[in-house]
Amino acid sequence: MTDAVPGGEEPEGSQPKPLIEKARDFAKKHKRKIVVVTAIAAAGAAVLWHVLEQRAEELADAEEYEDASQDAENTEAKESGEDSASGKPPRNSPVEHDVQGHDRTLGDGRVIKIPPYKRGGAKGGEADPGGEDAGEAAA
């Protein structure tokens, strides 16, 4: 990278500029542009840093919320398991009542007719004679 003359001869006393001098000349010539570009880059970096911090906080909050939700679900499941294990009788419908006949649409699209039946008021270990299982069995 020498300053060669087209004839192949170098002018007398011309030495290639050291890189440091070239950089100094470039900085003097483009000082304002360098300052502006540096300021814009610094501002962009600050904005990016702020956005990434907010995103990290949101993710941390979401993870804490999920962990708390899972802990609550586990606690509820444990408590409900303790209730059933403690010997409490299963809940019965409080009042005996009539259920009207109706059509039930199954998951596969079939429609079955459910006849009217009585429900609730069971005492002791009696099962409901006309519960949902009886209606599905009729189909």
Protein backbone atom coordinates (compact mmCIF):
# COMPACT_ATOMS: atom_id res chain seq x y z
CA MET A 1 0.00 0.00 0.00
CA THR A 2 2.50 2.50 -1.03
CA ASP A 3 1.76 5.70 -2.83
CA ALA A 4 3.18 4.60 -6.15
CA VAL A 5 3.35 6.68 -9.27
CA PRO A 6 1.79 5.08 -12.31
CA GLY A 7 5.21 4.70 -13.89
CA GLY A 8 6.23 2.35 -11.09
CA GLU A 9 8.59 4.81 -9.47
CA GLU A 10 8.04 6.17 -5.96
CA PRO A 11 8.43 9.90 -5.40
CA GLU A 12 11.49 10.83 -3.38
CA GLY A 13 10.97 11.19 0.37
CA SER A 14 7.53 9.61 0.41
CA GLN A 15 7.16 7.03 3.12
CA PRO A 16 3.91 5.18 3.81
CA LYS A 17 2.01 6.73 6.73
CA PRO A 18 1.91 4.65 9.87
CA LEU A 19 -1.53 3.37 10.81
CA ILE A 20 -1.68 5.57 13.91
CA GLU A 21 -1.27 8.71 11.83
CA LYS A 22 -3.94 7.59 9.39
CA ALA A 23 -6.33 6.99 12.30
CA ARG A 24 -5.53 10.41 13.79
CA ASP A 25 -6.15 12.13 10.45
CA PHE A 26 -9.41 10.25 10.00
CA ALA A 27 -10.57 11.19 13.53
CA LYS A 28 -9.77 14.87 12.95
CA LYS A 29 -11.55 14.90 9.63
CA HIS A 30 -14.73 13.12 10.88
CA LYS A 31 -14.82 14.19 14.54
CA ARG A 32 -18.48 15.33 14.60
CA LYS A 33 -19.73 12.23 12.81
CA ILE A 34 -17.85 9.98 15.22
CA VAL A 35 -19.32 11.79 18.23
CA VAL A 36 -22.88 11.55 16.83
CA VAL A 37 -22.59 7.87 15.95
CA THR A 38 -21.10 7.07 19.37
CA ALA A 39 -23.90 8.94 21.15
CA ILE A 40 -26.57 7.14 19.13
CA ALA A 41 -24.94 3.78 19.79
CA ALA A 42 -24.72 4.50 23.54
CA ALA A 43 -28.38 5.57 23.67
CA GLY A 44 -29.40 2.45 21.76
CA ALA A 45 -27.42 0.27 24.11
CA ALA A 46 -29.05 1.93 27.13
CA VAL A 47 -32.54 1.41 25.70
CA LEU A 48 -31.76 -2.22 24.83
CA TRP A 49 -30.40 -2.82 28.34
CA HIS A 50 -33.57 -1.35 29.89
CA VAL A 51 -35.88 -3.44 27.68
CA LEU A 52 -33.97 -6.63 28.46
CA GLU A 53 -34.10 -5.92 32.20
CA GLN A 54 -37.87 -5.40 32.05
CA ARG A 55 -38.31 -8.61 30.08
CA ALA A 56 -36.21 -10.53 32.60
CA GLU A 57 -38.32 -9.16 35.47
CA GLU A 58 -41.54 -10.13 33.67
CA LEU A 59 -40.24 -13.66 33.12
CA ALA A 60 -39.17 -13.94 36.75
CA ASP A 61 -42.59 -12.74 37.92
CA ALA A 62 -44.32 -15.21 35.60
CA GLU A 63 -42.18 -18.06 36.89
CA GLU A 64 -42.89 -17.07 40.50
CA TYR A 65 -46.62 -16.94 39.69
CA GLU A 66 -46.51 -20.38 38.04
CA ASP A 67 -44.56 -21.81 40.96
CA ALA A 68 -47.06 -20.33 43.42
CA SER A 69 -49.97 -21.69 41.36
CA GLN A 70 -48.43 -25.15 41.25
CA ASP A 71 -47.75 -25.04 44.98
CA ALA A 72 -51.36 -24.01 45.62
CA GLU A 73 -52.66 -26.80 43.37
CA ASN A 74 -50.43 -29.34 45.11
CA THR A 75 -51.60 -28.09 48.51
CA GLU A 76 -55.25 -28.28 47.45
CA ALA A 77 -54.77 -31.77 46.04
CA LYS A 78 -53.01 -32.85 49.22
CA GLU A 79 -55.75 -31.36 51.41
CA SER A 80 -58.53 -32.97 49.34
CA GLY A 81 -56.66 -36.28 49.59
CA GLU A 82 -56.47 -35.83 53.34
CA ASP A 83 -60.21 -35.11 53.49
CA SER A 84 -61.11 -38.30 51.65
CA ALA A 85 -58.63 -40.29 53.71
CA SER A 86 -59.98 -38.85 56.97
CA GLY A 87 -63.17 -40.89 56.64
CA LYS A 88 -65.60 -38.15 55.63
CA PRO A 89 -68.59 -39.57 53.79
CA PRO A 90 -69.03 -38.56 50.16
CA ARG A 91 -71.33 -35.60 49.56
CA ASN A 92 -74.92 -36.47 48.74
CA SER A 93 -77.43 -34.24 46.99
CA PRO A 94 -79.34 -32.51 49.78
CA VAL A 95 -82.84 -32.84 48.37
CA GLU A 96 -84.46 -35.55 46.29
CA HIS A 97 -85.72 -34.09 43.02
CA ASP A 98 -86.98 -35.10 39.60
CA VAL A 99 -84.76 -34.72 36.55
CA GLN A 100 -86.58 -34.10 33.27
CA GLY A 101 -85.94 -36.29 30.28
CA HIS A 102 -83.55 -34.75 27.76
CA ASP A 103 -81.27 -35.43 24.81
CA ARG A 104 -77.55 -35.79 25.44
CA THR A 105 -74.95 -35.27 22.72
CA LEU A 106 -71.91 -37.49 23.15
CA GLY A 107 -68.35 -36.57 22.20
CA ASP A 108 -68.50 -38.60 18.99
CA GLY A 109 -71.63 -36.70 17.84
CA ARG A 110 -74.28 -39.30 18.71
CA VAL A 111 -77.42 -38.00 20.41
CA ILE A 112 -79.06 -40.22 23.03
CA LYS A 113 -82.36 -39.77 24.83
CA ILE A 114 -82.19 -39.68 28.65
CA PRO A 115 -85.49 -40.63 30.32
CA PRO A 116 -86.75 -38.71 33.38
CA TYR A 117 -85.51 -39.96 36.77
CA LYS A 118 -85.31 -39.03 40.47
CA ARG A 119 -82.06 -37.85 41.96
CA GLY A 120 -80.61 -36.88 45.35
CA GLY A 121 -81.67 -37.56 48.91
CA ALA A 122 -79.77 -40.85 49.10
CA LYS A 123 -79.14 -41.99 52.67
CA GLY A 124 -76.41 -44.31 53.82
CA GLY A 125 -74.47 -46.11 51.08
CA GLU A 126 -77.33 -46.28 48.58
CA ALA A 127 -76.47 -45.39 45.03
CA ASP A 128 -78.72 -43.17 42.93
CA PRO A 129 -80.88 -45.51 40.87
CA GLY A 130 -81.22 -42.98 38.06
CA GLY A 131 -77.79 -41.32 37.98
CA GLU A 132 -75.92 -40.33 34.85
CA ASP A 133 -74.48 -43.82 34.45
CA ALA A 134 -77.98 -45.28 34.27
CA GLY A 135 -78.92 -42.79 31.53
CA GLU A 136 -75.86 -43.62 29.46
CA ALA A 137 -76.41 -47.32 29.96
CA ALA A 138 -79.92 -46.90 28.50
CA ALA A 139 -78.39 -45.78 25.24
